[in-house]
N, C-alpha and C. Protein backbone atom coordinates (compact mmCIF):
# COMPACT_ATOMS: atom_id res chain seq x y z
N MET A 1 -47.00 99.12 71.13
CA MET A 1 -48.25 99.75 71.54
C MET A 1 -48.09 100.20 72.99
N ILE A 2 -48.47 101.46 73.23
CA ILE A 2 -48.40 101.99 74.59
C ILE A 2 -49.79 102.26 75.14
N LEU A 3 -50.61 102.95 74.37
CA LEU A 3 -51.94 103.32 74.84
C LEU A 3 -52.91 103.26 73.67
N GLN A 4 -54.10 102.77 73.93
CA GLN A 4 -55.11 102.72 72.88
C GLN A 4 -56.47 103.10 73.45
N ALA A 5 -57.33 103.55 72.56
CA ALA A 5 -58.70 103.91 72.95
C ALA A 5 -59.66 103.26 71.96
N LYS A 6 -60.86 103.01 72.42
CA LYS A 6 -61.89 102.46 71.54
C LYS A 6 -62.51 103.59 70.74
N VAL A 7 -62.70 103.33 69.46
CA VAL A 7 -63.35 104.30 68.57
C VAL A 7 -64.54 103.60 67.93
N PRO A 8 -65.73 104.09 68.17
CA PRO A 8 -66.91 103.42 67.61
C PRO A 8 -67.01 103.62 66.10
N ILE A 9 -67.53 102.62 65.45
CA ILE A 9 -67.85 102.69 64.03
C ILE A 9 -69.33 102.33 63.91
N PHE A 10 -70.08 103.24 63.34
CA PHE A 10 -71.52 103.08 63.25
C PHE A 10 -71.94 102.70 61.83
N PRO A 11 -73.05 101.97 61.69
CA PRO A 11 -73.56 101.66 60.35
C PRO A 11 -73.76 102.97 59.59
N GLY A 12 -73.34 102.98 58.37
CA GLY A 12 -73.51 104.16 57.54
C GLY A 12 -72.41 105.20 57.68
N ASP A 13 -71.42 104.94 58.56
CA ASP A 13 -70.31 105.88 58.70
C ASP A 13 -69.56 106.02 57.38
N GLU A 14 -69.16 107.22 57.10
CA GLU A 14 -68.28 107.48 55.97
C GLU A 14 -66.84 107.42 56.49
N GLU A 15 -65.91 107.17 55.59
CA GLU A 15 -64.51 107.05 55.96
C GLU A 15 -64.02 108.28 56.72
N ASP A 16 -64.39 109.46 56.26
CA ASP A 16 -63.90 110.68 56.91
C ASP A 16 -64.45 110.84 58.33
N GLU A 17 -65.61 110.28 58.61
CA GLU A 17 -66.17 110.34 59.97
C GLU A 17 -65.35 109.47 60.93
N VAL A 18 -64.97 108.29 60.46
CA VAL A 18 -64.16 107.40 61.28
C VAL A 18 -62.77 108.01 61.49
N ILE A 19 -62.21 108.56 60.44
CA ILE A 19 -60.90 109.21 60.54
C ILE A 19 -60.94 110.33 61.58
N GLU A 20 -61.99 111.12 61.56
CA GLU A 20 -62.12 112.22 62.52
C GLU A 20 -62.18 111.70 63.96
N ARG A 21 -62.91 110.62 64.18
CA ARG A 21 -62.99 110.04 65.53
C ARG A 21 -61.63 109.53 65.99
N VAL A 22 -60.93 108.85 65.08
CA VAL A 22 -59.60 108.34 65.42
C VAL A 22 -58.66 109.49 65.74
N GLN A 23 -58.67 110.53 64.91
CA GLN A 23 -57.77 111.66 65.14
C GLN A 23 -58.10 112.39 66.44
N THR A 24 -59.36 112.47 66.80
CA THR A 24 -59.74 113.09 68.07
C THR A 24 -59.10 112.34 69.23
N GLN A 25 -59.15 111.01 69.18
CA GLN A 25 -58.52 110.20 70.23
C GLN A 25 -57.00 110.38 70.21
N GLU A 26 -56.41 110.37 69.02
CA GLU A 26 -54.96 110.53 68.91
C GLU A 26 -54.51 111.86 69.51
N HIS A 27 -55.27 112.91 69.27
CA HIS A 27 -54.89 114.24 69.77
C HIS A 27 -55.00 114.31 71.29
N THR A 28 -55.73 113.41 71.90
CA THR A 28 -55.80 113.32 73.35
C THR A 28 -54.71 112.39 73.90
N LEU A 29 -54.53 111.25 73.25
CA LEU A 29 -53.61 110.23 73.76
C LEU A 29 -52.14 110.59 73.59
N TYR A 30 -51.77 111.15 72.44
CA TYR A 30 -50.35 111.44 72.19
C TYR A 30 -49.75 112.36 73.25
N PRO A 31 -50.39 113.50 73.58
CA PRO A 31 -49.80 114.35 74.62
C PRO A 31 -49.73 113.65 75.98
N LEU A 32 -50.69 112.80 76.28
CA LEU A 32 -50.68 112.07 77.54
C LEU A 32 -49.48 111.14 77.61
N VAL A 33 -49.24 110.38 76.54
CA VAL A 33 -48.12 109.44 76.51
C VAL A 33 -46.79 110.20 76.60
N VAL A 34 -46.68 111.32 75.90
CA VAL A 34 -45.46 112.13 75.96
C VAL A 34 -45.25 112.63 77.39
N SER A 35 -46.31 113.06 78.05
CA SER A 35 -46.17 113.54 79.44
C SER A 35 -45.72 112.41 80.36
N TRP A 36 -46.21 111.20 80.16
CA TRP A 36 -45.76 110.06 80.96
C TRP A 36 -44.26 109.86 80.79
N PHE A 37 -43.79 109.98 79.55
CA PHE A 37 -42.36 109.80 79.27
C PHE A 37 -41.54 110.90 79.95
N ILE A 38 -41.97 112.14 79.81
CA ILE A 38 -41.26 113.28 80.40
C ILE A 38 -41.22 113.16 81.92
N GLU A 39 -42.31 112.70 82.52
CA GLU A 39 -42.40 112.55 83.98
C GLU A 39 -41.63 111.34 84.50
N GLY A 40 -41.10 110.52 83.59
CA GLY A 40 -40.37 109.34 84.00
C GLY A 40 -41.25 108.15 84.32
N ARG A 41 -42.53 108.26 84.02
CA ARG A 41 -43.46 107.16 84.30
C ARG A 41 -43.40 106.09 83.22
N LEU A 42 -43.02 106.48 82.00
CA LEU A 42 -42.99 105.56 80.86
C LEU A 42 -41.55 105.34 80.44
N ALA A 43 -41.19 104.08 80.23
CA ALA A 43 -39.84 103.74 79.79
C ALA A 43 -39.92 102.61 78.78
N MET A 44 -38.93 102.56 77.92
CA MET A 44 -38.80 101.46 76.97
C MET A 44 -37.55 100.68 77.38
N ARG A 45 -37.73 99.41 77.71
CA ARG A 45 -36.60 98.55 78.03
C ARG A 45 -36.99 97.10 77.76
N ASP A 46 -35.98 96.29 77.51
CA ASP A 46 -36.22 94.88 77.19
C ASP A 46 -37.21 94.73 76.04
N ASN A 47 -37.14 95.66 75.09
CA ASN A 47 -38.00 95.63 73.89
C ASN A 47 -39.48 95.71 74.26
N ALA A 48 -39.80 96.42 75.35
CA ALA A 48 -41.19 96.55 75.79
C ALA A 48 -41.39 97.92 76.44
N ALA A 49 -42.64 98.33 76.52
CA ALA A 49 -43.00 99.58 77.20
C ALA A 49 -43.34 99.26 78.66
N TRP A 50 -42.88 100.12 79.55
CA TRP A 50 -43.14 99.98 80.99
C TRP A 50 -43.78 101.26 81.49
N LEU A 51 -44.88 101.15 82.22
CA LEU A 51 -45.57 102.29 82.78
C LEU A 51 -45.66 102.11 84.29
N ASP A 52 -45.14 103.07 85.01
CA ASP A 52 -45.14 103.03 86.48
C ASP A 52 -44.55 101.72 87.01
N GLY A 53 -43.47 101.26 86.35
CA GLY A 53 -42.78 100.06 86.80
C GLY A 53 -43.41 98.75 86.39
N GLU A 54 -44.52 98.81 85.66
CA GLU A 54 -45.21 97.59 85.21
C GLU A 54 -45.05 97.45 83.70
N ARG A 55 -44.68 96.25 83.27
CA ARG A 55 -44.55 95.99 81.84
C ARG A 55 -45.94 95.97 81.20
N LEU A 56 -46.10 96.73 80.11
CA LEU A 56 -47.37 96.74 79.39
C LEU A 56 -47.46 95.53 78.48
N SER A 57 -48.65 95.02 78.29
CA SER A 57 -48.86 93.91 77.36
C SER A 57 -48.60 94.40 75.94
N ALA A 58 -48.54 93.48 75.01
CA ALA A 58 -48.34 93.84 73.60
C ALA A 58 -49.47 94.73 73.08
N GLN A 59 -50.64 94.65 73.71
CA GLN A 59 -51.78 95.48 73.31
C GLN A 59 -51.73 96.86 73.96
N GLY A 60 -50.79 97.07 74.87
CA GLY A 60 -50.66 98.36 75.54
C GLY A 60 -51.72 98.56 76.60
N TYR A 61 -51.76 99.77 77.11
CA TYR A 61 -52.75 100.15 78.12
C TYR A 61 -54.01 100.59 77.40
N ALA A 62 -55.13 100.06 77.76
CA ALA A 62 -56.40 100.41 77.10
C ALA A 62 -57.21 101.30 78.03
N ALA A 63 -57.42 102.53 77.61
CA ALA A 63 -58.25 103.45 78.39
C ALA A 63 -59.71 103.17 78.11
N ASP A 64 -60.50 103.05 79.15
CA ASP A 64 -61.94 102.80 78.97
C ASP A 64 -62.69 104.09 78.81
């Protein structure tokens, strides 16, 4: 796990509504993570992800 975002689930949500919310977040997060890698900010070593020289937890970086 490198980066995660919270996706709300509301009472009465249909599956496709939740999927759309998740995909909206993915379409924002994936390019960001790729840019971190290209810029040299993100690295994988010691079987873990590192961002700006700091080892990320198993849950990754959580954007608020």
